[in-house]
Amino acid sequence: MTSFYSKIKNVSGNDWQLFFKAVLWTGIARILIVFIPLKRFAFILGTHMKETPATAADENLDLLKTVGTAISRASRHVPWRCKCYEQAIAAKIILHGYGIETTLYYGVAKDQEQKLIAHAWVRCGDYIVTGRPGMKRFTVVGTFA
C-alpha cells in the first residue's frame, strides 16, 4: 500500500502551498456549510445570480489547473466531508485571493430513483476548476460571481 507521504513527496513548493490552502479552505467551507446558513455567508461567494465572462482563461490556466488539483488532492486526504460543495467554496475563495474572478454554480437533477440531488462547481473563463464530472446533467439553479 502506498503511503500518503510517498504520494506527495515530489510535490513542488508552490504546489505544497496550494495543497495546504486547499486543506484549510475546505475545512472552513465544511464548518460554514454545517453551522451557518448560506444567506449568512453568501457575501463571501460574490453576487448572487451573476456570472463572470466565459472567455478563455489562458493567462491563468496553469494556476487554475494547479488549484483544481490541490483541492482534489486535499479532498481525498482530509478527515471531514469534502464533496463538490466544499471544494467549490474553497476554489472560489483561493482564486479570489489571487485576484481571479470565478463563478460558483449550484445545480440540481434527479437520480435513478427520482430523488433530487445537487452539485456545485466553479468556472473561471471557459475552464472548470472543480466539479467537472457530471456537471452537464445538472440544471443550474444558482450562481455566485
N, C-alpha and C. Protein backbone atom coordinates (compact mmCIF):
# COMPACT_ATOMS: atom_id res chain seq x y z
N MET A 1 0.84 -1.17 0.00
CA MET A 1 0.00 0.00 0.00
C MET A 1 0.90 1.25 0.00
N THR A 2 0.57 2.20 -0.81
CA THR A 2 1.35 3.43 -0.93
C THR A 2 0.96 4.39 0.18
N SER A 3 1.97 4.93 0.85
CA SER A 3 1.70 5.86 1.94
C SER A 3 1.37 7.25 1.40
N PHE A 4 0.73 8.03 2.23
CA PHE A 4 0.40 9.41 1.87
C PHE A 4 1.67 10.17 1.54
N TYR A 5 2.71 9.99 2.37
CA TYR A 5 3.97 10.71 2.15
C TYR A 5 4.56 10.36 0.78
N SER A 6 4.57 9.09 0.42
CA SER A 6 5.17 8.70 -0.86
C SER A 6 4.40 9.27 -2.04
N LYS A 7 3.13 9.52 -1.86
CA LYS A 7 2.31 10.10 -2.94
C LYS A 7 2.62 11.58 -3.15
N ILE A 8 3.01 12.29 -2.09
CA ILE A 8 3.16 13.74 -2.21
C ILE A 8 4.58 14.24 -2.00
N LYS A 9 5.56 13.34 -1.81
CA LYS A 9 6.92 13.77 -1.51
C LYS A 9 7.57 14.55 -2.65
N ASN A 10 7.14 14.37 -3.88
CA ASN A 10 7.73 15.06 -5.01
C ASN A 10 6.97 16.32 -5.41
N VAL A 11 6.10 16.78 -4.56
CA VAL A 11 5.31 17.97 -4.84
C VAL A 11 6.19 19.20 -4.66
N SER A 12 6.10 20.15 -5.60
CA SER A 12 6.93 21.36 -5.54
C SER A 12 6.43 22.31 -4.44
N GLY A 13 7.24 23.32 -4.14
CA GLY A 13 6.93 24.28 -3.08
C GLY A 13 5.61 25.00 -3.26
N ASN A 14 5.36 25.53 -4.47
CA ASN A 14 4.11 26.24 -4.73
C ASN A 14 2.92 25.29 -4.63
N ASP A 15 3.10 24.05 -5.10
CA ASP A 15 2.02 23.08 -5.01
C ASP A 15 1.72 22.73 -3.55
N TRP A 16 2.75 22.66 -2.71
CA TRP A 16 2.55 22.42 -1.27
C TRP A 16 1.72 23.54 -0.67
N GLN A 17 2.08 24.78 -1.03
CA GLN A 17 1.37 25.93 -0.51
C GLN A 17 -0.11 25.85 -0.89
N LEU A 18 -0.39 25.53 -2.14
CA LEU A 18 -1.78 25.42 -2.59
C LEU A 18 -2.48 24.23 -1.93
N PHE A 19 -1.75 23.14 -1.73
CA PHE A 19 -2.34 21.98 -1.05
C PHE A 19 -2.79 22.37 0.35
N PHE A 20 -1.95 23.08 1.09
CA PHE A 20 -2.32 23.47 2.45
C PHE A 20 -3.42 24.52 2.46
N LYS A 21 -3.45 25.41 1.47
CA LYS A 21 -4.58 26.33 1.34
C LYS A 21 -5.86 25.54 1.08
N ALA A 22 -5.76 24.53 0.24
CA ALA A 22 -6.94 23.71 -0.06
C ALA A 22 -7.43 22.99 1.19
N VAL A 23 -6.53 22.44 1.98
CA VAL A 23 -6.91 21.78 3.23
C VAL A 23 -7.60 22.79 4.14
N LEU A 24 -6.98 23.95 4.33
CA LEU A 24 -7.53 24.98 5.20
C LEU A 24 -8.92 25.41 4.73
N TRP A 25 -9.06 25.77 3.46
CA TRP A 25 -10.31 26.33 2.98
C TRP A 25 -11.42 25.29 2.82
N THR A 26 -11.07 24.03 2.54
CA THR A 26 -12.13 23.02 2.53
C THR A 26 -12.64 22.79 3.95
N GLY A 27 -11.75 22.88 4.94
CA GLY A 27 -12.19 22.75 6.34
C GLY A 27 -13.08 23.90 6.76
N ILE A 28 -12.69 25.11 6.39
CA ILE A 28 -13.51 26.28 6.71
C ILE A 28 -14.85 26.19 5.97
N ALA A 29 -14.82 25.75 4.71
CA ALA A 29 -16.07 25.60 3.95
C ALA A 29 -16.99 24.60 4.64
N ARG A 30 -16.42 23.50 5.13
CA ARG A 30 -17.24 22.49 5.81
C ARG A 30 -17.90 23.07 7.05
N ILE A 31 -17.14 23.85 7.82
CA ILE A 31 -17.69 24.49 9.02
C ILE A 31 -18.82 25.45 8.64
N LEU A 32 -18.60 26.24 7.60
CA LEU A 32 -19.65 27.17 7.15
C LEU A 32 -20.92 26.41 6.77
N ILE A 33 -20.77 25.37 5.99
CA ILE A 33 -21.92 24.60 5.50
C ILE A 33 -22.70 23.98 6.65
N VAL A 34 -21.99 23.43 7.62
CA VAL A 34 -22.64 22.72 8.72
C VAL A 34 -23.29 23.66 9.72
N PHE A 35 -22.63 24.78 10.02
CA PHE A 35 -23.07 25.59 11.15
C PHE A 35 -23.71 26.94 10.79
N ILE A 36 -23.57 27.39 9.56
CA ILE A 36 -24.05 28.73 9.21
C ILE A 36 -24.94 28.66 7.98
N PRO A 37 -26.14 29.24 8.03
CA PRO A 37 -27.00 29.24 6.85
C PRO A 37 -26.33 30.00 5.69
N LEU A 38 -26.55 29.54 4.47
CA LEU A 38 -25.94 30.14 3.29
C LEU A 38 -26.16 31.65 3.23
N LYS A 39 -27.35 32.10 3.58
CA LYS A 39 -27.63 33.54 3.48
C LYS A 39 -26.72 34.38 4.37
N ARG A 40 -26.11 33.74 5.41
CA ARG A 40 -25.21 34.47 6.32
C ARG A 40 -23.78 34.54 5.80
N PHE A 41 -23.39 33.61 4.91
CA PHE A 41 -22.02 33.66 4.38
C PHE A 41 -21.97 33.81 2.86
N ALA A 42 -23.11 34.02 2.24
CA ALA A 42 -23.17 34.15 0.77
C ALA A 42 -22.32 35.31 0.26
N PHE A 43 -22.19 36.37 1.06
CA PHE A 43 -21.41 37.53 0.62
C PHE A 43 -19.97 37.14 0.31
N ILE A 44 -19.45 36.10 0.95
CA ILE A 44 -18.09 35.63 0.69
C ILE A 44 -17.97 35.08 -0.74
N LEU A 45 -19.07 34.54 -1.24
CA LEU A 45 -19.05 33.88 -2.55
C LEU A 45 -19.23 34.84 -3.71
N GLY A 46 -19.71 36.03 -3.44
CA GLY A 46 -19.90 37.02 -4.50
C GLY A 46 -21.35 37.42 -4.64
N THR A 47 -21.68 37.95 -5.81
CA THR A 47 -23.03 38.44 -6.08
C THR A 47 -23.90 37.30 -6.57
N HIS A 48 -25.05 37.13 -5.90
CA HIS A 48 -25.97 36.05 -6.24
C HIS A 48 -26.57 36.26 -7.63
N MET A 49 -26.67 35.18 -8.39
CA MET A 49 -27.26 35.13 -9.73
C MET A 49 -26.49 35.99 -10.75
N LYS A 50 -25.21 36.13 -10.55
CA LYS A 50 -24.32 36.79 -11.51
C LYS A 50 -23.31 35.77 -12.01
N GLU A 51 -22.77 36.02 -13.21
CA GLU A 51 -21.74 35.16 -13.78
C GLU A 51 -20.60 36.00 -14.31
N THR A 52 -19.41 35.44 -14.26
CA THR A 52 -18.25 36.07 -14.88
C THR A 52 -18.24 35.69 -16.36
N PRO A 53 -17.53 36.45 -17.20
CA PRO A 53 -17.48 36.11 -18.63
C PRO A 53 -16.88 34.72 -18.87
N ALA A 54 -17.38 34.05 -19.87
CA ALA A 54 -16.91 32.70 -20.20
C ALA A 54 -15.84 32.73 -21.28
N THR A 55 -15.05 33.77 -21.30
CA THR A 55 -13.98 33.88 -22.28
C THR A 55 -12.79 33.02 -21.84
N ALA A 56 -11.89 32.76 -22.76
CA ALA A 56 -10.74 31.89 -22.48
C ALA A 56 -9.96 32.37 -21.27
N ALA A 57 -9.54 31.43 -20.45
CA ALA A 57 -8.80 31.73 -19.22
C ALA A 57 -7.32 31.41 -19.40
N ASP A 58 -6.79 31.66 -20.59
CA ASP A 58 -5.43 31.25 -20.94
C ASP A 58 -4.35 31.78 -20.01
N GLU A 59 -4.42 33.06 -19.64
CA GLU A 59 -3.33 33.63 -18.83
C GLU A 59 -3.27 33.04 -17.42
N ASN A 60 -4.34 32.47 -16.94
CA ASN A 60 -4.37 31.88 -15.60
C ASN A 60 -4.51 30.37 -15.62
N LEU A 61 -4.43 29.76 -16.78
CA LEU A 61 -4.75 28.34 -16.91
C LEU A 61 -3.87 27.45 -16.02
N ASP A 62 -2.59 27.72 -15.96
CA ASP A 62 -1.71 26.89 -15.11
C ASP A 62 -2.11 26.97 -13.64
N LEU A 63 -2.40 28.18 -13.16
CA LEU A 63 -2.82 28.34 -11.77
C LEU A 63 -4.17 27.66 -11.54
N LEU A 64 -5.09 27.81 -12.46
CA LEU A 64 -6.41 27.18 -12.31
C LEU A 64 -6.29 25.67 -12.20
N LYS A 65 -5.46 25.09 -13.06
CA LYS A 65 -5.25 23.64 -13.02
C LYS A 65 -4.60 23.22 -11.71
N THR A 66 -3.61 23.99 -11.26
CA THR A 66 -2.90 23.67 -10.02
C THR A 66 -3.83 23.76 -8.81
N VAL A 67 -4.67 24.80 -8.77
CA VAL A 67 -5.63 24.94 -7.68
C VAL A 67 -6.63 23.78 -7.71
N GLY A 68 -7.15 23.46 -8.88
CA GLY A 68 -8.08 22.33 -9.01
C GLY A 68 -7.47 21.03 -8.53
N THR A 69 -6.22 20.80 -8.91
CA THR A 69 -5.51 19.58 -8.49
C THR A 69 -5.29 19.58 -6.98
N ALA A 70 -4.89 20.71 -6.42
CA ALA A 70 -4.65 20.80 -4.97
C ALA A 70 -5.94 20.53 -4.20
N ILE A 71 -7.04 21.06 -4.67
CA ILE A 71 -8.32 20.84 -3.98
C ILE A 71 -8.74 19.38 -4.10
N SER A 72 -8.58 18.81 -5.27
CA SER A 72 -8.91 17.40 -5.47
C SER A 72 -8.06 16.52 -4.56
N ARG A 73 -6.77 16.79 -4.52
CA ARG A 73 -5.84 16.02 -3.68
C ARG A 73 -6.21 16.18 -2.20
N ALA A 74 -6.45 17.40 -1.78
CA ALA A 74 -6.80 17.65 -0.37
C ALA A 74 -8.09 16.93 0.00
N SER A 75 -9.06 16.96 -0.89
CA SER A 75 -10.37 16.36 -0.59
C SER A 75 -10.27 14.86 -0.34
N ARG A 76 -9.26 14.22 -0.90
CA ARG A 76 -9.08 12.78 -0.70
C ARG A 76 -8.38 12.45 0.63
N HIS A 77 -7.79 13.46 1.27
CA HIS A 77 -6.99 13.18 2.47
C HIS A 77 -7.47 13.84 3.75
N VAL A 78 -8.45 14.71 3.68
CA VAL A 78 -8.93 15.36 4.90
C VAL A 78 -9.93 14.46 5.62
N PRO A 79 -10.04 14.60 6.95
CA PRO A 79 -10.94 13.72 7.70
C PRO A 79 -12.41 14.16 7.70
N TRP A 80 -12.73 15.29 7.06
CA TRP A 80 -14.11 15.76 7.02
C TRP A 80 -14.70 15.53 5.63
N ARG A 81 -16.02 15.64 5.57
CA ARG A 81 -16.70 15.52 4.27
C ARG A 81 -16.18 16.64 3.38
N CYS A 82 -15.77 16.28 2.18
CA CYS A 82 -15.23 17.27 1.27
C CYS A 82 -15.69 16.94 -0.15
N LYS A 83 -16.96 17.15 -0.37
CA LYS A 83 -17.55 16.87 -1.68
C LYS A 83 -17.55 18.14 -2.52
N CYS A 84 -18.35 18.16 -3.55
CA CYS A 84 -18.33 19.24 -4.53
C CYS A 84 -18.59 20.62 -3.92
N TYR A 85 -19.48 20.71 -2.97
CA TYR A 85 -19.85 22.00 -2.38
C TYR A 85 -18.66 22.61 -1.62
N GLU A 86 -18.03 21.80 -0.77
CA GLU A 86 -16.87 22.27 -0.03
C GLU A 86 -15.73 22.64 -0.99
N GLN A 87 -15.53 21.81 -2.00
CA GLN A 87 -14.48 22.05 -2.97
C GLN A 87 -14.73 23.35 -3.76
N ALA A 88 -15.97 23.58 -4.14
CA ALA A 88 -16.30 24.78 -4.91
C ALA A 88 -16.08 26.04 -4.07
N ILE A 89 -16.50 26.02 -2.83
CA ILE A 89 -16.31 27.18 -1.96
C ILE A 89 -14.81 27.43 -1.77
N ALA A 90 -14.05 26.38 -1.53
CA ALA A 90 -12.60 26.53 -1.35
C ALA A 90 -11.95 27.11 -2.61
N ALA A 91 -12.31 26.61 -3.77
CA ALA A 91 -11.74 27.11 -5.03
C ALA A 91 -12.06 28.57 -5.23
N LYS A 92 -13.30 28.93 -4.98
CA LYS A 92 -13.74 30.32 -5.14
C LYS A 92 -12.91 31.25 -4.24
N ILE A 93 -12.73 30.87 -2.99
CA ILE A 93 -12.00 31.72 -2.04
C ILE A 93 -10.51 31.77 -2.37
N ILE A 94 -9.93 30.63 -2.68
CA ILE A 94 -8.50 30.61 -3.02
C ILE A 94 -8.22 31.46 -4.25
N LEU A 95 -9.00 31.29 -5.30
CA LEU A 95 -8.77 32.05 -6.53
C LEU A 95 -9.05 33.54 -6.34
N HIS A 96 -10.02 33.87 -5.50
CA HIS A 96 -10.27 35.28 -5.18
C HIS A 96 -9.02 35.91 -4.55
N GLY A 97 -8.33 35.13 -3.74
CA GLY A 97 -7.10 35.60 -3.12
C GLY A 97 -6.00 35.93 -4.13
N TYR A 98 -6.08 35.34 -5.30
CA TYR A 98 -5.13 35.63 -6.38
C TYR A 98 -5.68 36.70 -7.33
N GLY A 99 -6.84 37.26 -6.99
CA GLY A 99 -7.44 38.29 -7.83
C GLY A 99 -8.10 37.74 -9.09
N ILE A 100 -8.47 36.47 -9.06
CA ILE A 100 -9.07 35.83 -10.23
C ILE A 100 -10.57 35.70 -10.03
N GLU A 101 -11.32 36.21 -11.00
CA GLU A 101 -12.78 36.15 -10.94
C GLU A 101 -13.27 34.78 -11.36
N THR A 102 -14.23 34.26 -10.60
CA THR A 102 -14.81 32.96 -10.88
C THR A 102 -16.31 33.01 -10.68
N THR A 103 -16.98 31.98 -11.16
CA THR A 103 -18.40 31.80 -10.90
C THR A 103 -18.60 30.44 -10.24
N LEU A 104 -19.32 30.44 -9.13
CA LEU A 104 -19.70 29.21 -8.46
C LEU A 104 -21.13 28.89 -8.89
N TYR A 105 -21.35 27.65 -9.33
CA TYR A 105 -22.66 27.21 -9.80
C TYR A 105 -23.25 26.18 -8.85
N TYR A 106 -24.57 26.27 -8.64
CA TYR A 106 -25.33 25.25 -7.94
C TYR A 106 -26.29 24.65 -8.96
N GLY A 107 -26.32 23.34 -9.04
CA GLY A 107 -27.23 22.67 -9.95
C GLY A 107 -27.99 21.56 -9.26
N VAL A 108 -29.14 21.21 -9.82
CA VAL A 108 -29.94 20.11 -9.30
C VAL A 108 -30.31 19.18 -10.45
N ALA A 109 -30.57 17.93 -10.09
CA ALA A 109 -31.01 16.92 -11.05
C ALA A 109 -31.72 15.83 -10.24
N LYS A 110 -32.26 14.85 -10.94
CA LYS A 110 -32.86 13.70 -10.27
C LYS A 110 -32.01 12.48 -10.55
N ASP A 111 -31.87 11.66 -9.51
CA ASP A 111 -31.11 10.42 -9.68
C ASP A 111 -32.00 9.33 -10.25
N GLN A 112 -31.49 8.09 -10.32
CA GLN A 112 -32.26 6.98 -10.90
C GLN A 112 -33.55 6.70 -10.14
N GLU A 113 -33.59 7.03 -8.87
CA GLU A 113 -34.78 6.81 -8.05
C GLU A 113 -35.67 8.04 -8.00
N GLN A 114 -35.40 9.01 -8.87
CA GLN A 114 -36.15 10.26 -8.97
C GLN A 114 -36.05 11.14 -7.73
N LYS A 115 -34.98 10.97 -6.97
CA LYS A 115 -34.72 11.83 -5.83
C LYS A 115 -33.87 13.01 -6.29
N LEU A 116 -34.13 14.16 -5.71
CA LEU A 116 -33.40 15.37 -6.06
C LEU A 116 -31.97 15.29 -5.52
N ILE A 117 -31.00 15.56 -6.38
CA ILE A 117 -29.61 15.61 -5.98
C ILE A 117 -29.03 16.96 -6.42
N ALA A 118 -27.94 17.35 -5.78
CA ALA A 118 -27.35 18.65 -6.08
C ALA A 118 -25.87 18.50 -6.41
N HIS A 119 -25.35 19.51 -7.07
CA HIS A 119 -23.94 19.53 -7.44
C HIS A 119 -23.48 20.99 -7.47
N ALA A 120 -22.20 21.21 -7.18
CA ALA A 120 -21.62 22.56 -7.24
C ALA A 120 -20.31 22.48 -8.00
N TRP A 121 -20.02 23.53 -8.76
CA TRP A 121 -18.76 23.59 -9.49
C TRP A 121 -18.35 25.04 -9.66
N VAL A 122 -17.08 25.23 -10.00
CA VAL A 122 -16.53 26.58 -10.18
C VAL A 122 -15.93 26.68 -11.58
N ARG A 123 -16.28 27.78 -12.25
CA ARG A 123 -15.76 28.07 -13.58
C ARG A 123 -14.99 29.37 -13.55
N CYS A 124 -13.87 29.39 -14.26
CA CYS A 124 -13.11 30.62 -14.48
C CYS A 124 -12.89 30.72 -15.98
N GLY A 125 -13.44 31.76 -16.58
CA GLY A 125 -13.39 31.85 -18.03
C GLY A 125 -14.11 30.66 -18.63
N ASP A 126 -13.41 29.91 -19.47
CA ASP A 126 -14.01 28.71 -20.05
C ASP A 126 -13.50 27.43 -19.40
N TYR A 127 -12.80 27.56 -18.27
CA TYR A 127 -12.21 26.40 -17.60
C TYR A 127 -12.99 26.05 -16.34
N ILE A 128 -13.31 24.77 -16.18
CA ILE A 128 -13.99 24.29 -14.97
C ILE A 128 -12.91 23.88 -13.97
N VAL A 129 -12.85 24.59 -12.85
CA VAL A 129 -11.80 24.37 -11.85
C VAL A 129 -12.14 23.17 -10.98
N THR A 130 -13.36 23.10 -10.48
CA THR A 130 -13.80 21.96 -9.66
C THR A 130 -15.19 21.55 -10.12
N GLY A 131 -15.53 20.28 -9.89
CA GLY A 131 -16.88 19.80 -10.14
C GLY A 131 -17.21 19.42 -11.56
N ARG A 132 -16.22 19.28 -12.43
CA ARG A 132 -16.48 18.95 -13.84
C ARG A 132 -17.26 17.65 -14.02
N PRO A 133 -16.88 16.54 -13.35
CA PRO A 133 -17.59 15.28 -13.59
C PRO A 133 -19.09 15.39 -13.31
N GLY A 134 -19.87 15.10 -14.30
CA GLY A 134 -21.32 15.07 -14.14
C GLY A 134 -22.04 16.39 -14.20
N MET A 135 -21.32 17.49 -14.29
CA MET A 135 -21.97 18.80 -14.19
C MET A 135 -23.00 19.06 -15.28
N LYS A 136 -22.80 18.48 -16.45
CA LYS A 136 -23.71 18.75 -17.57
C LYS A 136 -25.12 18.22 -17.34
N ARG A 137 -25.27 17.25 -16.47
CA ARG A 137 -26.61 16.69 -16.23
C ARG A 137 -27.43 17.51 -15.23
N PHE A 138 -26.81 18.53 -14.63
CA PHE A 138 -27.49 19.34 -13.62
C PHE A 138 -28.03 20.63 -14.21
N THR A 139 -29.21 21.01 -13.77
CA THR A 139 -29.81 22.28 -14.16
C THR A 139 -29.37 23.33 -13.15
N VAL A 140 -28.79 24.40 -13.66
CA VAL A 140 -28.28 25.47 -12.78
C VAL A 140 -29.46 26.19 -12.13
N VAL A 141 -29.39 26.29 -10.79
CA VAL A 141 -30.44 27.00 -10.03
C VAL A 141 -29.90 28.20 -9.29
N GLY A 142 -28.56 28.33 -9.26
CA GLY A 142 -27.97 29.47 -8.58
C GLY A 142 -26.54 29.67 -8.98
N THR A 143 -26.12 30.91 -8.97
CA THR A 143 -24.72 31.25 -9.27
C THR A 143 -24.25 32.34 -8.32
N PHE A 144 -22.95 32.38 -8.13
CA PHE A 144 -22.31 33.48 -7.40
C PHE A 144 -21.07 33.89 -8.16
N ALA A 145 -20.96 35.19 -8.45
CA ALA A 145 -19.78 35.70 -9.17
C ALA A 145 -19.25 36.93 -8.48
